Amino acid sequence: MRIDELYRAIGGDYNDVLSRFMTEERVVRFVRKFPADGSFALLQQSLKEGNAEEAFRAAHTLKGVAQNLSFTELYERAVTVTEILRGGSLNVAAEMPALEKSYLHTVKSIEALE
């Protein structure tokens, strides 16, 4: 899969990220680093432990990384979870399946990147 195909597959905005990163090589380099980011795992663990403050930080970080990489669909899902957690509520169970699906799809697509 080429980088532009990856962005189409995950509901991202390749032209937006390319305008910021300036070269396709730089986009690919940073996209390949995304699976190593621990924000999603920390979000899951913090929710499991009932730690709203840490869950908020993890969701906020995931949202920021997704936005910087123009992973639009993942970003939008992360925004929803972040805003619920912002007020200290852990009531994100209804939103987590969509976020997880988008996250896992993004990671799997990155693994298929040429």
C-alpha atoms as a PDB file:
ATOM      1  CA  MET A   1       0.000   0.000   0.000  1.00  0.00           C
ATOM      2  CA  ARG A   2       1.310   3.456  -0.890  1.00  0.00           C
ATOM      3  CA  ILE A   3       1.090   6.341   1.569  1.00  0.00           C
ATOM      4  CA  ASP A   4      -1.675   8.124  -0.347  1.00  0.00           C
ATOM      5  CA  GLU A   5      -3.652   4.865  -0.464  1.00  0.00           C
ATOM      6  CA  LEU A   6      -3.179   4.462   3.281  1.00  0.00           C
ATOM      7  CA  TYR A   7      -4.688   7.876   3.901  1.00  0.00           C
ATOM      8  CA  ARG A   8      -7.695   7.063   1.727  1.00  0.00           C
ATOM      9  CA  ALA A   9      -8.135   3.712   3.503  1.00  0.00           C
ATOM     10  CA  ILE A  10      -8.128   5.213   6.996  1.00  0.00           C
ATOM     11  CA  GLY A  11     -10.197   8.306   6.253  1.00  0.00           C
ATOM     12  CA  GLY A  12      -7.227  10.656   6.512  1.00  0.00           C
ATOM     13  CA  ASP A  13      -6.220  13.771   4.619  1.00  0.00           C
ATOM     14  CA  TYR A  14      -2.994  13.112   2.731  1.00  0.00           C
ATOM     15  CA  ASN A  15      -2.838  16.543   1.096  1.00  0.00           C
ATOM     16  CA  ASP A  16      -3.135  18.222   4.487  1.00  0.00           C
ATOM     17  CA  VAL A  17      -0.304  16.239   6.074  1.00  0.00           C
ATOM     18  CA  LEU A  18       1.863  16.643   2.982  1.00  0.00           C
ATOM     19  CA  SER A  19       1.405  20.418   3.116  1.00  0.00           C
ATOM     20  CA  ARG A  20       2.789  20.421   6.687  1.00  0.00           C
ATOM     21  CA  PHE A  21       5.527  17.805   6.385  1.00  0.00           C
ATOM     22  CA  MET A  22       6.597  19.002   2.913  1.00  0.00           C
ATOM     23  CA  THR A  23       7.848  15.659   1.544  1.00  0.00           C
ATOM     24  CA  GLU A  24       6.333  12.220   1.137  1.00  0.00           C
ATOM     25  CA  GLU A  25       9.415  10.677   2.765  1.00  0.00           C
ATOM     26  CA  ARG A  26       8.886  12.743   5.911  1.00  0.00           C
ATOM     27  CA  VAL A  27       5.197  11.810   6.019  1.00  0.00           C
ATOM     28  CA  VAL A  28       6.071   8.117   5.719  1.00  0.00           C
ATOM     29  CA  ARG A  29       8.754   8.390   8.409  1.00  0.00           C
ATOM     30  CA  PHE A  30       6.359   9.901  10.950  1.00  0.00           C
ATOM     31  CA  VAL A  31       3.422   7.666  10.010  1.00  0.00           C
ATOM     32  CA  ARG A  32       5.602   4.588  10.574  1.00  0.00           C
ATOM     33  CA  LYS A  33       6.311   5.831  14.122  1.00  0.00           C
ATOM     34  CA  PHE A  34       2.625   6.020  15.020  1.00  0.00           C
ATOM     35  CA  PRO A  35       2.139   2.366  16.099  1.00  0.00           C
ATOM     36  CA  ALA A  36       4.854   2.823  18.745  1.00  0.00           C
ATOM     37  CA  ASP A  37       2.929   5.680  20.375  1.00  0.00           C
ATOM     38  CA  GLY A  38       1.557   4.376  23.667  1.00  0.00           C
ATOM     39  CA  SER A  39      -1.359   6.785  24.038  1.00  0.00           C
ATOM     40  CA  PHE A  40      -4.095   4.358  23.055  1.00  0.00           C
ATOM     41  CA  ALA A  41      -2.788   1.600  25.346  1.00  0.00           C
ATOM     42  CA  LEU A  42      -2.457   4.108  28.193  1.00  0.00           C
ATOM     43  CA  LEU A  43      -6.027   5.281  27.563  1.00  0.00           C
ATOM     44  CA  GLN A  44      -7.316   1.719  27.784  1.00  0.00           C
ATOM     45  CA  GLN A  45      -5.311   0.988  30.944  1.00  0.00           C
ATOM     46  CA  SER A  46      -6.368   4.230  32.623  1.00  0.00           C
ATOM     47  CA  LEU A  47     -10.025   3.532  31.904  1.00  0.00           C
ATOM     48  CA  LYS A  48      -9.648   0.028  33.290  1.00  0.00           C
ATOM     49  CA  GLU A  49      -8.110   1.484  36.469  1.00  0.00           C
ATOM     50  CA  GLY A  50     -10.741   4.226  36.718  1.00  0.00           C
ATOM     51  CA  ASN A  51      -8.138   6.989  36.444  1.00  0.00           C
ATOM     52  CA  ALA A  52     -10.026   9.784  34.688  1.00  0.00           C
ATOM     53  CA  GLU A  53      -7.152  12.270  34.790  1.00  0.00           C
ATOM     54  CA  GLU A  54      -4.663   9.898  33.154  1.00  0.00           C
ATOM     55  CA  ALA A  55      -7.301   8.698  30.674  1.00  0.00           C
ATOM     56  CA  PHE A  56      -7.933  12.307  29.666  1.00  0.00           C
ATOM     57  CA  ARG A  57      -4.211  12.956  29.129  1.00  0.00           C
ATOM     58  CA  ALA A  58      -3.859   9.796  27.036  1.00  0.00           C
ATOM     59  CA  ALA A  59      -6.925  10.585  24.917  1.00  0.00           C
ATOM     60  CA  HIS A  60      -5.759  14.169  24.469  1.00  0.00           C
ATOM     61  CA  THR A  61      -2.329  12.993  23.338  1.00  0.00           C
ATOM     62  CA  LEU A  62      -3.847  10.488  20.914  1.00  0.00           C
ATOM     63  CA  LYS A  63      -6.078  13.232  19.547  1.00  0.00           C
ATOM     64  CA  GLY A  64      -3.107  15.545  19.017  1.00  0.00           C
ATOM     65  CA  VAL A  65      -0.980  12.920  17.300  1.00  0.00           C
ATOM     66  CA  ALA A  66      -3.886  11.937  15.037  1.00  0.00           C
ATOM     67  CA  GLN A  67      -4.486  15.589  14.182  1.00  0.00           C
ATOM     68  CA  ASN A  68      -0.810  16.249  13.416  1.00  0.00           C
ATOM     69  CA  LEU A  69      -0.710  13.237  11.102  1.00  0.00           C
ATOM     70  CA  SER A  70      -4.075  14.169   9.516  1.00  0.00           C
ATOM     71  CA  PHE A  71      -5.642  10.864  10.544  1.00  0.00           C
ATOM     72  CA  THR A  72      -9.026  12.573  10.314  1.00  0.00           C
ATOM     73  CA  GLU A  73     -11.334   9.705  11.265  1.00  0.00           C
ATOM     74  CA  LEU A  74      -9.181   8.647  14.224  1.00  0.00           C
ATOM     75  CA  TYR A  75      -8.864  12.273  15.291  1.00  0.00           C
ATOM     76  CA  GLU A  76     -12.637  12.772  15.287  1.00  0.00           C
ATOM     77  CA  ARG A  77     -13.175   9.641  17.387  1.00  0.00           C
ATOM     78  CA  ALA A  78     -10.468  10.756  19.817  1.00  0.00           C
ATOM     79  CA  VAL A  79     -12.047  14.234  20.110  1.00  0.00           C
ATOM     80  CA  THR A  80     -15.326  12.685  21.254  1.00  0.00           C
ATOM     81  CA  VAL A  81     -13.633  10.575  23.951  1.00  0.00           C
ATOM     82  CA  THR A  82     -11.372  13.444  25.032  1.00  0.00           C
ATOM     83  CA  GLU A  83     -14.281  15.814  25.527  1.00  0.00           C
ATOM     84  CA  ILE A  84     -16.193  13.312  27.660  1.00  0.00           C
ATOM     85  CA  LEU A  85     -13.103  12.719  29.796  1.00  0.00           C
ATOM     86  CA  ARG A  86     -12.315  16.446  30.039  1.00  0.00           C
ATOM     87  CA  GLY A  87     -14.999  16.893  32.678  1.00  0.00           C
ATOM     88  CA  GLY A  88     -13.740  13.956  34.730  1.00  0.00           C
ATOM     89  CA  SER A  89     -16.397  11.527  33.553  1.00  0.00           C
ATOM     90  CA  LEU A  90     -15.331   7.989  32.709  1.00  0.00           C
ATOM     91  CA  ASN A  91     -18.575   7.410  30.805  1.00  0.00           C
ATOM     92  CA  VAL A  92     -16.898   6.662  27.450  1.00  0.00           C
ATOM     93  CA  ALA A  93     -17.912   3.005  27.070  1.00  0.00           C
ATOM     94  CA  ALA A  94     -20.293   3.818  24.215  1.00  0.00           C
ATOM     95  CA  GLU A  95     -17.558   5.688  22.296  1.00  0.00           C
ATOM     96  CA  MET A  96     -14.596   3.364  22.850  1.00  0.00           C
ATOM     97  CA  PRO A  97     -15.536   0.655  20.314  1.00  0.00           C
ATOM     98  CA  ALA A  98     -15.512   3.182  17.442  1.00  0.00           C
ATOM     99  CA  LEU A  99     -12.232   4.680  18.649  1.00  0.00           C
ATOM    100  CA  GLU A 100     -10.651   1.254  19.024  1.00  0.00           C
ATOM    101  CA  LYS A 101     -11.842   0.149  15.590  1.00  0.00           C
ATOM    102  CA  SER A 102     -10.421   3.276  13.964  1.00  0.00           C
ATOM    103  CA  TYR A 103      -7.148   2.958  15.889  1.00  0.00           C
ATOM    104  CA  LEU A 104      -6.661  -0.719  15.022  1.00  0.00           C
ATOM    105  CA  HIS A 105      -7.564  -0.098  11.376  1.00  0.00           C
ATOM    106  CA  THR A 106      -5.009   2.726  11.241  1.00  0.00           C
ATOM    107  CA  VAL A 107      -2.257   0.577  12.766  1.00  0.00           C
ATOM    108  CA  LYS A 108      -3.048  -2.376  10.509  1.00  0.00           C
ATOM    109  CA  SER A 109      -2.972  -0.100   7.462  1.00  0.00           C
ATOM    110  CA  ILE A 110       0.385   1.325   8.513  1.00  0.00           C
ATOM    111  CA  GLU A 111       1.743  -2.209   8.809  1.00  0.00           C
ATOM    112  CA  ALA A 112       0.719  -2.745   5.165  1.00  0.00           C
ATOM    113  CA  LEU A 113       2.582   0.363   4.036  1.00  0.00           C
ATOM    114  CA  GLU A 114       5.203  -0.314   1.351  1.00  0.00           C
END
